[in-house]
Amino acid sequence: MNKYIKKLFGIDKIEAETKAAIEQAAQATALATAATEAAERAKEAERLAKLSPKELATEKKEPYIAVLDTKVNKDNVRNGFFELDWNEYFVLQLTEAGYQGVTEEEIVDQWFQELCRNVGAEAGVNMDRRGSGYVNFNNLGDGKSEVF
């Protein structure tokens, strides 16, 4: 009897339309949510694409080291410099590996000197440094220094 009354007054059609409207609203909400999430992912990808490799590594809390420039003294090829760039996570990695120093530059300089000695030794280069110049560094600020 209940169905008959609903049919008689058209309540069954109203209920069916209401159910359909609710389903459409749920689908629209799901589509809107997916579109919002896709827009947020695209915005984040665009932001990350604008970051430098150092900024990206720092954002990911990963160590970063790069050689920005290399110069050789044209009057004495035994002398020159490398301009290095690093982030705090690289310095942390070095200190965890046992490198010590008061400043970041000292810690990175120790690593770089050891790296150069190891490369030279592996290549069979006489690592006796007499007469080969000197090693010095200039703090350029912002995690950069020149090693010359």
C-alpha atoms as a PDB file:
ATOM      1  CA  MET A   1       0.000   0.000   0.000  1.00  0.00           C
ATOM      2  CA  ASN A   2       2.873   2.304   0.764  1.00  0.00           C
ATOM      3  CA  LYS A   3       4.145   1.960  -2.835  1.00  0.00           C
ATOM      4  CA  TYR A   4       0.672   2.736  -4.162  1.00  0.00           C
ATOM      5  CA  ILE A   5       0.466   5.981  -2.164  1.00  0.00           C
ATOM      6  CA  LYS A   6       3.927   7.041  -3.279  1.00  0.00           C
ATOM      7  CA  LYS A   7       2.993   6.323  -6.889  1.00  0.00           C
ATOM      8  CA  LEU A   8      -0.365   8.051  -6.537  1.00  0.00           C
ATOM      9  CA  PHE A   9       1.147  11.283  -5.257  1.00  0.00           C
ATOM     10  CA  GLY A  10       4.318  11.072  -7.415  1.00  0.00           C
ATOM     11  CA  ILE A  11       6.576  10.625  -4.403  1.00  0.00           C
ATOM     12  CA  ASP A  12       8.322   7.682  -6.094  1.00  0.00           C
ATOM     13  CA  LYS A  13       9.447   9.969  -8.939  1.00  0.00           C
ATOM     14  CA  ILE A  14      10.654  12.611  -6.476  1.00  0.00           C
ATOM     15  CA  GLU A  15      12.623   9.975  -4.576  1.00  0.00           C
ATOM     16  CA  ALA A  16      14.180   8.656  -7.822  1.00  0.00           C
ATOM     17  CA  GLU A  17      15.094  12.184  -8.950  1.00  0.00           C
ATOM     18  CA  THR A  18      16.551  12.955  -5.510  1.00  0.00           C
ATOM     19  CA  LYS A  19      18.643   9.770  -5.595  1.00  0.00           C
ATOM     20  CA  ALA A  20      19.887  10.621  -9.103  1.00  0.00           C
ATOM     21  CA  ALA A  21      20.705  14.189  -8.011  1.00  0.00           C
ATOM     22  CA  ILE A  22      22.654  12.909  -5.007  1.00  0.00           C
ATOM     23  CA  GLU A  23      24.645  10.526  -7.247  1.00  0.00           C
ATOM     24  CA  GLN A  24      25.398  13.358  -9.698  1.00  0.00           C
ATOM     25  CA  ALA A  25      26.480  15.610  -6.837  1.00  0.00           C
ATOM     26  CA  ALA A  26      28.804  12.877  -5.529  1.00  0.00           C
ATOM     27  CA  GLN A  27      30.318  12.439  -9.006  1.00  0.00           C
ATOM     28  CA  ALA A  28      30.737  16.195  -9.402  1.00  0.00           C
ATOM     29  CA  THR A  29      32.404  16.410  -5.988  1.00  0.00           C
ATOM     30  CA  ALA A  30      34.792  13.582  -6.904  1.00  0.00           C
ATOM     31  CA  LEU A  31      35.654  15.287 -10.208  1.00  0.00           C
ATOM     32  CA  ALA A  32      36.177  18.637  -8.480  1.00  0.00           C
ATOM     33  CA  THR A  33      38.417  17.023  -5.857  1.00  0.00           C
ATOM     34  CA  ALA A  34      40.470  15.267  -8.540  1.00  0.00           C
ATOM     35  CA  ALA A  35      40.790  18.503 -10.529  1.00  0.00           C
ATOM     36  CA  THR A  36      41.880  20.431  -7.419  1.00  0.00           C
ATOM     37  CA  GLU A  37      44.479  17.777  -6.565  1.00  0.00           C
ATOM     38  CA  ALA A  38      45.773  17.772 -10.155  1.00  0.00           C
ATOM     39  CA  ALA A  39      46.048  21.576 -10.102  1.00  0.00           C
ATOM     40  CA  GLU A  40      47.943  21.449  -6.806  1.00  0.00           C
ATOM     41  CA  ARG A  41      50.327  18.807  -8.192  1.00  0.00           C
ATOM     42  CA  ALA A  42      50.887  20.906 -11.324  1.00  0.00           C
ATOM     43  CA  LYS A  43      51.536  24.003  -9.220  1.00  0.00           C
ATOM     44  CA  GLU A  44      54.031  22.105  -7.049  1.00  0.00           C
ATOM     45  CA  ALA A  45      55.755  20.667 -10.137  1.00  0.00           C
ATOM     46  CA  GLU A  46      56.025  24.173 -11.591  1.00  0.00           C
ATOM     47  CA  ARG A  47      57.503  25.476  -8.312  1.00  0.00           C
ATOM     48  CA  LEU A  48      60.030  22.635  -8.175  1.00  0.00           C
ATOM     49  CA  ALA A  49      60.982  23.168 -11.832  1.00  0.00           C
ATOM     50  CA  LYS A  50      61.991  26.737 -10.998  1.00  0.00           C
ATOM     51  CA  LEU A  51      64.419  25.613  -8.275  1.00  0.00           C
ATOM     52  CA  SER A  52      68.150  25.343  -8.912  1.00  0.00           C
ATOM     53  CA  PRO A  53      69.736  21.918  -8.425  1.00  0.00           C
ATOM     54  CA  LYS A  54      71.092  23.107  -5.057  1.00  0.00           C
ATOM     55  CA  GLU A  55      67.687  24.401  -3.948  1.00  0.00           C
ATOM     56  CA  LEU A  56      66.025  21.182  -5.089  1.00  0.00           C
ATOM     57  CA  ALA A  57      68.501  19.019  -3.174  1.00  0.00           C
ATOM     58  CA  THR A  58      68.101  21.224  -0.105  1.00  0.00           C
ATOM     59  CA  GLU A  59      64.299  20.988  -0.405  1.00  0.00           C
ATOM     60  CA  LYS A  60      64.657  17.191  -0.438  1.00  0.00           C
ATOM     61  CA  LYS A  61      67.180  17.391   2.442  1.00  0.00           C
ATOM     62  CA  GLU A  62      69.820  15.718   0.266  1.00  0.00           C
ATOM     63  CA  PRO A  63      73.554  16.519   0.113  1.00  0.00           C
ATOM     64  CA  TYR A  64      74.618  18.781  -2.774  1.00  0.00           C
ATOM     65  CA  ILE A  65      78.090  19.679  -4.062  1.00  0.00           C
ATOM     66  CA  ALA A  66      79.023  21.210  -7.411  1.00  0.00           C
ATOM     67  CA  VAL A  67      82.012  22.773  -9.110  1.00  0.00           C
ATOM     68  CA  LEU A  68      80.824  26.163 -10.338  1.00  0.00           C
ATOM     69  CA  ASP A  69      84.023  27.334 -11.978  1.00  0.00           C
ATOM     70  CA  THR A  70      87.594  26.264 -12.654  1.00  0.00           C
ATOM     71  CA  LYS A  71      90.422  28.651 -13.459  1.00  0.00           C
ATOM     72  CA  VAL A  72      94.071  27.962 -14.234  1.00  0.00           C
ATOM     73  CA  ASN A  73      96.787  30.570 -13.825  1.00  0.00           C
ATOM     74  CA  LYS A  74      98.050  31.141 -17.381  1.00  0.00           C
ATOM     75  CA  ASP A  75     101.508  32.132 -16.083  1.00  0.00           C
ATOM     76  CA  ASN A  76     101.854  29.064 -13.854  1.00  0.00           C
ATOM     77  CA  VAL A  77      99.598  26.131 -14.735  1.00  0.00           C
ATOM     78  CA  ARG A  78     100.369  24.563 -11.351  1.00  0.00           C
ATOM     79  CA  ASN A  79      98.137  27.165  -9.770  1.00  0.00           C
ATOM     80  CA  GLY A  80      94.441  27.763 -10.208  1.00  0.00           C
ATOM     81  CA  PHE A  81      91.207  27.432  -8.350  1.00  0.00           C
ATOM     82  CA  PHE A  82      87.882  25.674  -8.183  1.00  0.00           C
ATOM     83  CA  GLU A  83      84.740  27.477  -7.086  1.00  0.00           C
ATOM     84  CA  LEU A  84      82.609  25.017  -5.123  1.00  0.00           C
ATOM     85  CA  ASP A  85      78.971  25.275  -4.077  1.00  0.00           C
ATOM     86  CA  TRP A  86      77.357  23.067  -1.425  1.00  0.00           C
ATOM     87  CA  ASN A  87      74.429  22.877   0.957  1.00  0.00           C
ATOM     88  CA  GLU A  88      74.239  22.184   4.680  1.00  0.00           C
ATOM     89  CA  TYR A  89      73.307  18.547   4.070  1.00  0.00           C
ATOM     90  CA  PHE A  90      76.618  17.957   2.279  1.00  0.00           C
ATOM     91  CA  VAL A  91      78.493  19.452   5.243  1.00  0.00           C
ATOM     92  CA  LEU A  92      76.455  17.244   7.584  1.00  0.00           C
ATOM     93  CA  GLN A  93      77.361  14.203   5.476  1.00  0.00           C
ATOM     94  CA  LEU A  94      81.050  15.168   5.704  1.00  0.00           C
ATOM     95  CA  THR A  95      80.961  15.691   9.472  1.00  0.00           C
ATOM     96  CA  GLU A  96      79.227  12.318   9.876  1.00  0.00           C
ATOM     97  CA  ALA A  97      82.081  10.822   7.805  1.00  0.00           C
ATOM     98  CA  GLY A  98      84.623  12.273  10.251  1.00  0.00           C
ATOM     99  CA  TYR A  99      85.664  15.566   8.660  1.00  0.00           C
ATOM    100  CA  GLN A 100      86.107  18.320  11.224  1.00  0.00           C
ATOM    101  CA  GLY A 101      86.425  22.067  11.198  1.00  0.00           C
ATOM    102  CA  VAL A 102      85.165  25.260  12.713  1.00  0.00           C
ATOM    103  CA  THR A 103      83.527  26.491   9.507  1.00  0.00           C
ATOM    104  CA  GLU A 104      81.775  24.798   6.614  1.00  0.00           C
ATOM    105  CA  GLU A 105      84.584  25.986   4.355  1.00  0.00           C
ATOM    106  CA  GLU A 106      87.205  24.189   6.464  1.00  0.00           C
ATOM    107  CA  ILE A 107      85.204  20.958   6.417  1.00  0.00           C
ATOM    108  CA  VAL A 108      84.615  21.094   2.651  1.00  0.00           C
ATOM    109  CA  ASP A 109      88.264  22.070   2.079  1.00  0.00           C
ATOM    110  CA  GLN A 110      89.452  18.984   3.977  1.00  0.00           C
ATOM    111  CA  TRP A 111      87.209  16.784   1.839  1.00  0.00           C
ATOM    112  CA  PHE A 112      88.285  18.470  -1.401  1.00  0.00           C
ATOM    113  CA  GLN A 113      91.989  18.187  -0.589  1.00  0.00           C
ATOM    114  CA  GLU A 114      91.599  14.508   0.259  1.00  0.00           C
ATOM    115  CA  LEU A 115      89.599  13.951  -2.917  1.00  0.00           C
ATOM    116  CA  CYS A 116      92.337  15.594  -5.006  1.00  0.00           C
ATOM    117  CA  ARG A 117      95.068  13.556  -3.268  1.00  0.00           C
ATOM    118  CA  ASN A 118      93.103  10.326  -3.875  1.00  0.00           C
ATOM    119  CA  VAL A 119      92.519  11.128  -7.545  1.00  0.00           C
ATOM    120  CA  GLY A 120      96.201  11.947  -8.006  1.00  0.00           C
ATOM    121  CA  ALA A 121      97.362   8.832  -6.168  1.00  0.00           C
ATOM    122  CA  GLU A 122      95.030   6.595  -8.201  1.00  0.00           C
ATOM    123  CA  ALA A 123      96.411   8.142 -11.387  1.00  0.00           C
ATOM    124  CA  GLY A 124      99.969   7.399 -10.260  1.00  0.00           C
ATOM    125  CA  VAL A 125     100.834  11.063  -9.735  1.00  0.00           C
ATOM    126  CA  ASN A 126     103.653  11.803  -7.317  1.00  0.00           C
ATOM    127  CA  MET A 127     101.781  13.398  -4.449  1.00  0.00           C
ATOM    128  CA  ASP A 128     104.887  15.257  -3.201  1.00  0.00           C
ATOM    129  CA  ARG A 129     103.540  18.798  -3.270  1.00  0.00           C
ATOM    130  CA  ARG A 130     106.826  20.697  -2.993  1.00  0.00           C
ATOM    131  CA  GLY A 131     106.938  23.372  -5.642  1.00  0.00           C
ATOM    132  CA  SER A 132     103.362  22.842  -6.667  1.00  0.00           C
ATOM    133  CA  GLY A 133     101.935  26.051  -5.264  1.00  0.00           C
ATOM    134  CA  TYR A 134      99.543  26.367  -2.363  1.00  0.00           C
ATOM    135  CA  VAL A 135      95.976  25.704  -1.416  1.00  0.00           C
ATOM    136  CA  ASN A 136      93.860  28.513  -0.045  1.00  0.00           C
ATOM    137  CA  PHE A 137      90.177  29.295   0.009  1.00  0.00           C
ATOM    138  CA  ASN A 138      88.069  32.413  -0.170  1.00  0.00           C
ATOM    139  CA  ASN A 139      84.619  32.367   1.458  1.00  0.00           C
ATOM    140  CA  LEU A 140      82.178  33.829  -1.073  1.00  0.00           C
ATOM    141  CA  GLY A 141      79.212  33.506   1.287  1.00  0.00           C
ATOM    142  CA  ASP A 142      75.916  31.685   0.759  1.00  0.00           C
ATOM    143  CA  GLY A 143      77.616  28.271   0.898  1.00  0.00           C
ATOM    144  CA  LYS A 144      80.136  29.096  -1.839  1.00  0.00           C
ATOM    145  CA  SER A 145      83.899  29.414  -1.744  1.00  0.00           C
ATOM    146  CA  GLU A 146      86.847  29.515  -4.084  1.00  0.00           C
ATOM    147  CA  VAL A 147      89.645  27.003  -3.518  1.00  0.00           C
ATOM    148  CA  PHE A 148      92.926  28.161  -5.051  1.00  0.00           C
END
